[in-house]
C-alpha atoms as a PDB file:
ATOM      1  CA  MET A   1      -8.826  14.400   4.799  1.00  0.00           C
ATOM      2  CA  ASN A   2     -12.058  14.411   2.760  1.00  0.00           C
ATOM      3  CA  ALA A   3     -12.640  13.164  -0.794  1.00  0.00           C
ATOM      4  CA  HIS A   4     -12.346  16.870  -2.085  1.00  0.00           C
ATOM      5  CA  SER A   5      -9.067  17.882  -0.412  1.00  0.00           C
ATOM      6  CA  LEU A   6      -6.804  16.107  -2.933  1.00  0.00           C
ATOM      7  CA  PRO A   7      -7.372  17.330  -6.578  1.00  0.00           C
ATOM      8  CA  LEU A   8      -5.953  14.006  -7.957  1.00  0.00           C
ATOM      9  CA  THR A   9      -5.332  10.569  -6.686  1.00  0.00           C
ATOM     10  CA  PRO A  10      -2.176  10.282  -4.465  1.00  0.00           C
ATOM     11  CA  PHE A  11      -0.357   8.476  -7.191  1.00  0.00           C
ATOM     12  CA  GLU A  12      -1.047  11.293  -9.645  1.00  0.00           C
ATOM     13  CA  ILE A  13       0.197  14.258  -7.510  1.00  0.00           C
ATOM     14  CA  GLY A  14       3.606  13.126  -6.650  1.00  0.00           C
ATOM     15  CA  LEU A  15       3.370  12.499  -2.970  1.00  0.00           C
ATOM     16  CA  GLY A  16       6.979  11.315  -2.766  1.00  0.00           C
ATOM     17  CA  TRP A  17       6.179   7.598  -2.425  1.00  0.00           C
ATOM     18  CA  LEU A  18       8.714   4.893  -1.878  1.00  0.00           C
ATOM     19  CA  LEU A  19       8.563   1.190  -2.148  1.00  0.00           C
ATOM     20  CA  ASN A  20      12.078  -0.314  -2.003  1.00  0.00           C
ATOM     21  CA  ASN A  21      15.284   1.652  -1.624  1.00  0.00           C
ATOM     22  CA  TYR A  22      18.019  -1.043  -0.978  1.00  0.00           C
ATOM     23  CA  LYS A  23      19.708  -0.435  -4.338  1.00  0.00           C
ATOM     24  CA  PHE A  24      20.477   3.113  -3.096  1.00  0.00           C
ATOM     25  CA  GLY A  25      21.677   2.203   0.401  1.00  0.00           C
ATOM     26  CA  GLY A  26      18.257   2.284   2.115  1.00  0.00           C
ATOM     27  CA  THR A  27      16.820  -0.342   4.366  1.00  0.00           C
ATOM     28  CA  ARG A  28      13.548  -1.087   2.470  1.00  0.00           C
ATOM     29  CA  LEU A  29      14.022  -4.407   0.610  1.00  0.00           C
ATOM     30  CA  TRP A  30      10.784  -6.502   1.038  1.00  0.00           C
ATOM     31  CA  SER A  31       7.932  -3.917   0.420  1.00  0.00           C
ATOM     32  CA  GLY A  32       6.764  -5.585  -2.757  1.00  0.00           C
ATOM     33  CA  LEU A  33       7.271  -9.195  -3.811  1.00  0.00           C
ATOM     34  CA  ARG A  34       8.453 -11.476  -0.980  1.00  0.00           C
ATOM     35  CA  THR A  35      10.290 -14.535  -2.289  1.00  0.00           C
ATOM     36  CA  PRO A  36      11.221 -17.601  -0.143  1.00  0.00           C
ATOM     37  CA  ASP A  37      14.569 -16.060   0.805  1.00  0.00           C
ATOM     38  CA  SER A  38      12.720 -13.101   2.552  1.00  0.00           C
ATOM     39  CA  PRO A  39      12.548 -13.217   6.301  1.00  0.00           C
ATOM     40  CA  TYR A  40       8.947 -12.037   5.924  1.00  0.00           C
ATOM     41  CA  TYR A  41       7.949 -14.758   3.504  1.00  0.00           C
ATOM     42  CA  SER A  42       4.758 -16.680   3.880  1.00  0.00           C
ATOM     43  CA  GLU A  43       3.142 -18.983   1.260  1.00  0.00           C
ATOM     44  CA  THR A  44      -0.204 -17.215   1.904  1.00  0.00           C
ATOM     45  CA  SER A  45       0.926 -13.663   2.059  1.00  0.00           C
ATOM     46  CA  GLN A  46      -0.388 -11.438  -0.684  1.00  0.00           C
ATOM     47  CA  HIS A  47       3.164 -10.173  -1.009  1.00  0.00           C
ATOM     48  CA  SER A  48       4.426 -13.579  -1.809  1.00  0.00           C
ATOM     49  CA  LEU A  49       1.645 -13.885  -4.321  1.00  0.00           C
ATOM     50  CA  GLY A  50       2.859 -10.622  -5.976  1.00  0.00           C
ATOM     51  CA  LYS A  51      -0.359  -8.971  -5.071  1.00  0.00           C
ATOM     52  CA  ALA A  52       0.655  -6.507  -2.244  1.00  0.00           C
ATOM     53  CA  PHE A  53       2.791  -3.460  -1.583  1.00  0.00           C
ATOM     54  CA  ASP A  54       3.856  -1.457   1.402  1.00  0.00           C
ATOM     55  CA  VAL A  55       4.445   2.222   0.427  1.00  0.00           C
ATOM     56  CA  VAL A  56       5.852   5.062   2.507  1.00  0.00           C
ATOM     57  CA  PHE A  57       5.166   8.655   1.592  1.00  0.00           C
ATOM     58  CA  LYS A  58       7.313  11.834   2.029  1.00  0.00           C
ATOM     59  CA  TYR A  59       4.678  14.468   2.057  1.00  0.00           C
ATOM     60  CA  VAL A  60       1.570  12.848   3.539  1.00  0.00           C
ATOM     61  CA  GLN A  61       0.822  10.317   6.237  1.00  0.00           C
ATOM     62  CA  ALA A  62      -0.284   6.774   5.161  1.00  0.00           C
ATOM     63  CA  GLU A  63      -3.483   7.148   7.100  1.00  0.00           C
ATOM     64  CA  GLU A  64      -4.423  10.096   4.827  1.00  0.00           C
ATOM     65  CA  VAL A  65      -3.948   7.995   1.772  1.00  0.00           C
ATOM     66  CA  ARG A  66      -5.877   5.087   3.261  1.00  0.00           C
ATOM     67  CA  GLU A  67      -8.770   7.461   3.976  1.00  0.00           C
ATOM     68  CA  PHE A  68      -8.609   8.793   0.456  1.00  0.00           C
ATOM     69  CA  ILE A  69      -8.754   5.340  -1.011  1.00  0.00           C
ATOM     70  CA  LEU A  70     -11.616   4.362   1.221  1.00  0.00           C
ATOM     71  CA  ASN A  71     -13.558   7.536   0.425  1.00  0.00           C
ATOM     72  CA  ASN A  72     -12.932   7.228  -3.291  1.00  0.00           C
ATOM     73  CA  ARG A  73     -13.399   3.521  -3.996  1.00  0.00           C
ATOM     74  CA  ASP A  74     -14.359   4.279  -7.621  1.00  0.00           C
ATOM     75  CA  LEU A  75     -10.758   5.498  -8.208  1.00  0.00           C
ATOM     76  CA  PHE A  76      -9.286   2.376  -6.799  1.00  0.00           C
ATOM     77  CA  PRO A  77     -11.430  -0.570  -8.007  1.00  0.00           C
ATOM     78  CA  TYR A  78      -8.644  -3.104  -7.856  1.00  0.00           C
ATOM     79  CA  VAL A  79      -7.474  -2.288  -4.257  1.00  0.00           C
ATOM     80  CA  THR A  80      -9.141  -5.047  -2.205  1.00  0.00           C
ATOM     81  CA  GLY A  81      -7.029  -5.011   0.938  1.00  0.00           C
ATOM     82  CA  LEU A  82      -5.824  -2.245   3.249  1.00  0.00           C
ATOM     83  CA  GLU A  83      -3.882  -2.693   6.474  1.00  0.00           C
ATOM     84  CA  LEU A  84      -4.712  -0.306   9.369  1.00  0.00           C
ATOM     85  CA  ASP A  85      -2.687   1.110  12.174  1.00  0.00           C
ATOM     86  CA  VAL A  86       0.668   0.934  10.516  1.00  0.00           C
ATOM     87  CA  SER A  87       2.945   3.864   9.342  1.00  0.00           C
ATOM     88  CA  TRP A  88       3.102   2.797   5.704  1.00  0.00           C
ATOM     89  CA  LEU A  89       0.374   2.068   3.251  1.00  0.00           C
ATOM     90  CA  HIS A  90      -0.223  -1.632   2.693  1.00  0.00           C
ATOM     91  CA  PHE A  91      -2.561  -2.308  -0.090  1.00  0.00           C
ATOM     92  CA  ASP A  92      -3.196  -5.498  -2.013  1.00  0.00           C
ATOM     93  CA  VAL A  93      -5.183  -6.671  -4.944  1.00  0.00           C
ATOM     94  CA  ARG A  94      -6.419 -10.024  -3.543  1.00  0.00           C
ATOM     95  CA  ASN A  95      -9.136 -12.017  -5.316  1.00  0.00           C
ATOM     96  CA  THR A  96     -12.297 -10.597  -3.989  1.00  0.00           C
ATOM     97  CA  ASN A  97     -14.967  -8.103  -4.997  1.00  0.00           C
ATOM     98  CA  ALA A  98     -15.150  -6.404  -1.540  1.00  0.00           C
ATOM     99  CA  ILE A  99     -12.420  -4.608   0.222  1.00  0.00           C
ATOM    100  CA  LYS A 100     -10.819  -6.183   3.327  1.00  0.00           C
ATOM    101  CA  VAL A 101      -9.606  -3.686   5.947  1.00  0.00           C
ATOM    102  CA  PHE A 102      -7.517  -5.385   8.638  1.00  0.00           C
ATOM    103  CA  ASN A 103      -4.991  -4.984  11.266  1.00  0.00           C
ATOM    104  CA  ALA A 104      -1.809  -6.984  11.225  1.00  0.00           C
END
């Protein structure tokens, strides 16, 4: 995907994104804030600090959205963390001016 293949940002065109769905019988529970009762809790996690989300999409692959964010940094000035090589989009807003791209 190049910067011109999406007319708007992924969040504006309704890509069918999902954060948590446990209230509706789904399995996604800890994709946003992770409290101490979460099995994925870590004091230093951006999730535990309320600064990270893991999102899945219905109509596009997470990699396409990651590429779009990286190719259009001006549209996402507060996204400062992106996780690579996962089937979901992990993004966070950690306290830094540069973007950190990492593998888990």
